[in-house]
Amino acid sequence: MKHLPNLLTLANLFCGCIAIAYILSAQPYLSMSVGHAGLPTWQWINGAQQMYLGSLFIVIAAVCDMLDGMVARALKVFSPIGKDLDSLADIVSFGVAPSTILFKLLWDSLTGEKNAFDINMLGMAPAFLIACFGALRLAKFNITSDAQKGYFIGMPIPAVGLFVATFPLILWFSPAKVIHYVSVVLQNKWGIYAIIAVLCWFMVSKIKFLKLVPGKMSIGQMWPQLLIVATAIGGYFVLGYAAFPLAFILYVLLSIIHKFPEAAQV
């Protein structure tokens, strides 16, 4: 049982790797096969429907990430290896995997421009700033975690990863009216660049962010988290998956205005 937390962390990492594979394969590509006359034939294979599956694996990775900490506390199993392993898994699942989503969205937006046949890779490279700033965020957390008892200093990387993971789900499953308004941002390179810049700043900022699982299970302590969950669930029936970015924005606002108790700052 003492290895169960590390196994859950490895499950987090595994899901992150699978998510990357799904996301990177989500594009039309040419496949060659041999015809009846022995001559090669080519056909287009459309893998676009695999994009949202990558998002789902990021969500599963987040569940594993939450469970490994809960199980470790329940079993009272803590080790430096587990802490470092958790960070390595997080940078893949919530740093690299979301970066690949933004990479593909930037690719799609650039292919719609006039010079689509001369796309420069540098135009899509900013997507991986999420992974870079996420690594910096995790490194800072590993040396300051003892001072972050009731909150996180800087946005936790799983929150960033889950936020970005909603983008393919919105574009694939949301009502047509919602997609029309969301696509104005998600299919525009400047909108995506702005999202990247804001998320990177959040991760290394001094803003205190709420922990989604508070230390004390009481209404007085949990009301911000309960409000966020209620917004996500209630909004889903109206906006579809677009309700989750709305809940994310509420998470940011509540974190900024929330008055953290002095006892949590020791």
Protein backbone atom coordinates (compact mmCIF):
# COMPACT_ATOMS: atom_id res chain seq x y z
CA MET A 1 0.00 0.00 0.00
CA LYS A 2 2.91 2.38 0.65
CA HIS A 3 3.63 2.50 -3.10
CA LEU A 4 0.05 3.42 -4.03
CA PRO A 5 0.65 7.23 -4.04
CA ASN A 6 3.60 6.84 -6.42
CA LEU A 7 1.56 4.51 -8.63
CA LEU A 8 -1.15 7.17 -8.87
CA THR A 9 1.51 9.75 -9.73
CA LEU A 10 2.79 7.48 -12.49
CA ALA A 11 -0.80 7.10 -13.71
CA ASN A 12 -0.93 10.89 -13.88
CA LEU A 13 2.24 10.89 -16.00
CA PHE A 14 0.96 8.07 -18.22
CA CYS A 15 -2.29 9.93 -18.91
CA GLY A 16 -0.33 13.07 -19.74
CA CYS A 17 1.76 11.17 -22.29
CA ILE A 18 -1.35 9.65 -23.86
CA ALA A 19 -2.93 13.11 -24.02
CA ILE A 20 0.08 14.45 -25.93
CA ALA A 21 -0.10 11.55 -28.38
CA TYR A 22 -3.79 12.18 -29.06
CA ILE A 23 -3.32 15.93 -29.47
CA LEU A 24 -0.37 15.70 -31.83
CA SER A 25 -2.13 13.13 -34.01
CA ALA A 26 -5.22 15.34 -34.33
CA GLN A 27 -4.79 16.54 -37.90
CA PRO A 28 -5.40 15.28 -41.43
CA TYR A 29 -2.44 13.37 -42.81
CA LEU A 30 -1.64 11.30 -45.89
CA SER A 31 -1.43 7.54 -45.62
CA MET A 32 0.07 5.32 -48.32
CA SER A 33 -1.21 1.87 -49.18
CA VAL A 34 -0.53 -0.55 -52.00
CA GLY A 35 -3.27 -0.78 -54.62
CA HIS A 36 -4.44 -3.82 -56.62
CA ALA A 37 -1.89 -3.18 -59.36
CA GLY A 38 0.95 -2.98 -56.87
CA LEU A 39 1.10 0.81 -57.21
CA PRO A 40 1.05 3.10 -54.17
CA THR A 41 -2.16 4.95 -53.47
CA TRP A 42 -2.64 7.85 -51.10
CA GLN A 43 -5.63 8.78 -48.99
CA TRP A 44 -6.37 11.46 -46.43
CA ILE A 45 -6.82 10.26 -42.84
CA ASN A 46 -8.69 12.73 -40.65
CA GLY A 47 -7.71 12.50 -36.98
CA ALA A 48 -9.30 15.73 -35.79
CA GLN A 49 -11.77 13.93 -33.55
CA GLN A 50 -8.86 12.76 -31.39
CA MET A 51 -8.16 16.27 -30.09
CA TYR A 52 -10.82 16.20 -27.40
CA LEU A 53 -9.65 12.77 -26.24
CA GLY A 54 -6.37 14.41 -25.30
CA SER A 55 -8.36 16.85 -23.16
CA LEU A 56 -10.14 13.98 -21.42
CA PHE A 57 -6.83 12.34 -20.54
CA ILE A 58 -5.62 15.62 -19.03
CA VAL A 59 -8.74 15.56 -16.84
CA ILE A 60 -8.03 11.94 -15.81
CA ALA A 61 -4.44 12.97 -15.03
CA ALA A 62 -5.79 15.71 -12.76
CA VAL A 63 -7.93 13.18 -10.90
CA CYS A 64 -4.87 10.97 -10.37
CA ASP A 65 -2.90 14.01 -9.22
CA MET A 66 -5.56 14.82 -6.63
CA LEU A 67 -5.81 11.23 -5.44
CA ASP A 68 -2.09 10.67 -4.96
CA GLY A 69 -1.91 13.48 -2.40
CA MET A 70 -5.05 12.32 -0.61
CA VAL A 71 -3.82 8.72 -0.45
CA ALA A 72 -0.37 9.80 0.73
CA ARG A 73 -1.93 11.79 3.59
CA ALA A 74 -4.31 8.96 4.48
CA LEU A 75 -1.49 6.40 4.57
CA LYS A 76 0.96 8.91 6.09
CA VAL A 77 3.47 8.08 3.38
CA PHE A 78 5.77 10.96 2.41
CA SER A 79 9.11 10.86 0.64
CA PRO A 80 11.37 13.21 -1.36
CA ILE A 81 11.05 10.83 -4.31
CA GLY A 82 7.27 11.13 -4.29
CA LYS A 83 7.46 14.93 -4.19
CA ASP A 84 9.88 15.13 -7.11
CA LEU A 85 7.99 12.47 -9.06
CA ASP A 86 4.78 14.46 -8.62
CA SER A 87 6.41 17.57 -10.08
CA LEU A 88 7.81 15.64 -13.05
CA ALA A 89 4.39 14.16 -13.78
CA ASP A 90 2.68 17.55 -13.45
CA ILE A 91 4.98 19.29 -15.91
CA VAL A 92 4.10 16.69 -18.53
CA SER A 93 0.34 16.43 -17.90
CA PHE A 94 -0.38 20.09 -17.12
CA GLY A 95 2.53 21.80 -18.86
CA VAL A 96 3.55 20.00 -22.03
CA ALA A 97 0.14 18.51 -22.87
CA PRO A 98 -1.73 21.87 -22.65
CA SER A 99 1.12 23.46 -24.61
CA THR A 100 0.48 21.03 -27.45
CA ILE A 101 -3.20 22.04 -27.45
CA LEU A 102 -2.24 25.70 -27.79
CA PHE A 103 0.33 24.73 -30.43
CA LYS A 104 -2.38 23.07 -32.53
CA LEU A 105 -4.78 26.00 -32.03
CA LEU A 106 -2.08 28.42 -33.17
CA TRP A 107 -1.40 26.16 -36.14
CA ASP A 108 -5.07 26.22 -37.10
CA SER A 109 -5.27 30.01 -36.75
CA LEU A 110 -2.13 30.58 -38.84
CA THR A 111 -3.32 28.28 -41.62
CA GLY A 112 -6.27 30.63 -42.09
CA GLU A 113 -4.02 33.57 -42.94
CA LYS A 114 -3.00 34.68 -46.42
CA ASN A 115 0.53 33.27 -46.09
CA ALA A 116 -0.70 29.87 -44.91
CA PHE A 117 1.77 28.04 -47.15
CA ASP A 118 4.69 29.84 -45.51
CA ILE A 119 3.94 29.34 -41.80
CA ASN A 120 6.91 29.97 -39.54
CA MET A 121 7.34 27.59 -36.61
CA LEU A 122 8.23 30.59 -34.44
CA GLY A 123 4.62 31.71 -34.70
CA MET A 124 3.54 28.60 -32.79
CA ALA A 125 6.51 28.38 -30.42
CA PRO A 126 4.97 30.65 -27.71
CA ALA A 127 2.57 27.79 -26.91
CA PHE A 128 5.40 26.05 -25.06
CA LEU A 129 5.91 28.98 -22.71
CA ILE A 130 3.14 27.33 -20.66
CA ALA A 131 5.44 24.33 -20.07
CA CYS A 132 8.42 26.58 -19.30
CA PHE A 133 6.61 28.81 -16.82
CA GLY A 134 4.92 25.73 -15.38
CA ALA A 135 8.35 24.21 -14.67
CA LEU A 136 9.39 27.46 -12.96
CA ARG A 137 6.17 27.45 -10.94
CA LEU A 138 6.78 23.87 -9.76
CA ALA A 139 10.42 24.56 -8.89
CA LYS A 140 9.39 27.56 -6.77
CA PHE A 141 6.65 25.54 -5.09
CA ASN A 142 9.02 22.72 -4.16
CA ILE A 143 11.17 25.07 -2.10
CA THR A 144 8.33 27.12 -0.60
CA SER A 145 5.58 24.53 -0.11
CA ASP A 146 5.91 24.63 3.69
CA ALA A 147 4.87 28.30 3.62
CA GLN A 148 1.77 27.59 1.50
CA LYS A 149 -0.51 25.82 3.96
CA GLY A 150 -3.89 27.38 3.15
CA TYR A 151 -3.27 28.70 -0.34
CA PHE A 152 -0.97 28.59 -3.35
CA ILE A 153 1.37 31.46 -4.20
CA GLY A 154 0.93 31.69 -7.94
CA MET A 155 -1.60 29.72 -9.90
CA PRO A 156 -1.10 25.94 -9.53
CA ILE A 157 -0.15 24.29 -12.82
CA PRO A 158 -3.03 21.73 -12.71
CA ALA A 159 -5.50 24.64 -12.82
CA VAL A 160 -3.75 26.00 -15.92
CA GLY A 161 -3.74 22.57 -17.55
CA LEU A 162 -7.43 21.95 -16.90
CA PHE A 163 -8.35 25.41 -18.19
CA VAL A 164 -6.55 24.85 -21.50
CA ALA A 165 -7.94 21.32 -21.72
CA THR A 166 -11.45 22.74 -21.97
CA PHE A 167 -10.71 24.47 -25.29
CA PRO A 168 -11.04 21.39 -27.57
CA LEU A 169 -14.09 20.25 -25.60
CA ILE A 170 -15.74 23.64 -26.15
CA LEU A 171 -14.97 23.69 -29.87
CA TRP A 172 -16.17 20.11 -30.34
CA PHE A 173 -19.23 19.78 -28.11
CA SER A 174 -20.62 23.23 -27.26
CA PRO A 175 -23.79 24.71 -28.82
CA ALA A 176 -23.27 26.52 -32.13
CA LYS A 177 -23.90 29.99 -30.65
CA VAL A 178 -21.29 29.40 -27.95
CA ILE A 179 -18.74 28.13 -30.46
CA HIS A 180 -19.29 31.22 -32.61
CA TYR A 181 -18.28 33.58 -29.80
CA VAL A 182 -15.51 31.41 -28.36
CA SER A 183 -13.91 30.81 -31.76
CA VAL A 184 -13.32 34.56 -32.06
CA VAL A 185 -10.62 34.06 -29.42
CA LEU A 186 -9.54 30.45 -29.86
CA GLN A 187 -9.14 30.74 -33.63
CA ASN A 188 -7.28 34.04 -33.52
CA LYS A 189 -3.53 33.99 -32.89
CA TRP A 190 -3.59 37.23 -30.89
CA GLY A 191 -6.30 35.88 -28.63
CA ILE A 192 -4.25 32.73 -28.01
CA TYR A 193 -1.08 34.75 -27.41
CA ALA A 194 -2.98 36.82 -24.83
CA ILE A 195 -4.21 33.69 -23.05
CA ILE A 196 -0.66 32.32 -22.94
CA ALA A 197 0.73 35.56 -21.54
CA VAL A 198 -1.92 35.81 -18.81
CA LEU A 199 -1.56 32.17 -17.73
CA CYS A 200 2.24 32.42 -17.59
CA TRP A 201 1.99 35.55 -15.46
CA PHE A 202 -0.54 33.93 -13.13
CA MET A 203 1.80 30.99 -12.48
CA VAL A 204 4.76 33.12 -11.36
CA SER A 205 2.76 35.93 -9.73
CA LYS A 206 2.50 36.63 -6.01
CA ILE A 207 -1.28 36.22 -6.08
CA LYS A 208 -2.63 33.80 -3.47
CA PHE A 209 -4.85 31.20 -5.11
CA LEU A 210 -7.40 29.03 -3.38
CA LYS A 211 -6.74 25.36 -2.89
CA LEU A 212 -9.55 23.38 -4.50
CA VAL A 213 -9.43 20.97 -1.55
CA PRO A 214 -9.29 23.15 1.61
CA GLY A 215 -7.61 21.98 4.76
CA LYS A 216 -10.80 22.22 6.82
CA MET A 217 -14.03 20.67 5.55
CA SER A 218 -16.51 23.29 6.77
CA ILE A 219 -18.95 25.57 4.95
CA GLY A 220 -17.10 28.61 6.26
CA GLN A 221 -13.87 27.39 4.69
CA MET A 222 -15.29 25.70 1.60
CA TRP A 223 -17.82 28.25 0.30
CA PRO A 224 -15.54 29.58 -2.50
CA GLN A 225 -14.84 26.07 -3.76
CA LEU A 226 -18.52 25.10 -3.54
CA LEU A 227 -19.49 28.22 -5.50
CA ILE A 228 -16.97 27.38 -8.22
CA VAL A 229 -18.25 23.80 -8.50
CA ALA A 230 -21.88 24.98 -8.55
CA THR A 231 -21.06 27.47 -11.32
CA ALA A 232 -19.38 24.79 -13.40
CA ILE A 233 -22.18 22.25 -12.98
CA GLY A 234 -25.07 24.70 -13.31
CA GLY A 235 -23.49 26.52 -16.24
CA TYR A 236 -22.88 23.27 -18.07
CA PHE A 237 -26.61 22.83 -18.73
CA VAL A 238 -26.73 26.25 -20.41
CA LEU A 239 -23.31 26.78 -21.97
CA GLY A 240 -21.96 23.25 -22.25
CA TYR A 241 -18.22 22.96 -21.71
CA ALA A 242 -17.90 26.75 -22.01
CA ALA A 243 -19.11 26.87 -18.40
CA PHE A 244 -15.76 25.54 -17.19
CA PRO A 245 -13.69 28.55 -18.36
CA LEU A 246 -16.37 30.67 -16.65
CA ALA A 247 -15.74 28.73 -13.43
CA PHE A 248 -12.01 29.26 -13.97
CA ILE A 249 -12.49 33.03 -14.18
CA LEU A 250 -14.58 32.86 -10.99
CA TYR A 251 -11.74 30.90 -9.35
CA VAL A 252 -9.31 33.71 -10.20
CA LEU A 253 -11.63 36.44 -8.95
CA LEU A 254 -12.45 34.64 -5.70
CA SER A 255 -8.75 33.99 -5.09
CA ILE A 256 -7.99 37.69 -5.49
CA ILE A 257 -10.77 38.93 -3.18
CA HIS A 258 -10.66 36.08 -0.66
CA LYS A 259 -9.40 37.02 2.80
CA PHE A 260 -7.06 34.23 3.79
CA PRO A 261 -6.85 33.66 7.56
CA GLU A 262 -3.64 34.75 9.25
CA ALA A 263 -3.15 31.22 10.59
CA ALA A 264 -2.74 29.95 7.01
CA GLN A 265 0.17 32.30 6.38
CA VAL A 266 2.66 30.74 8.78
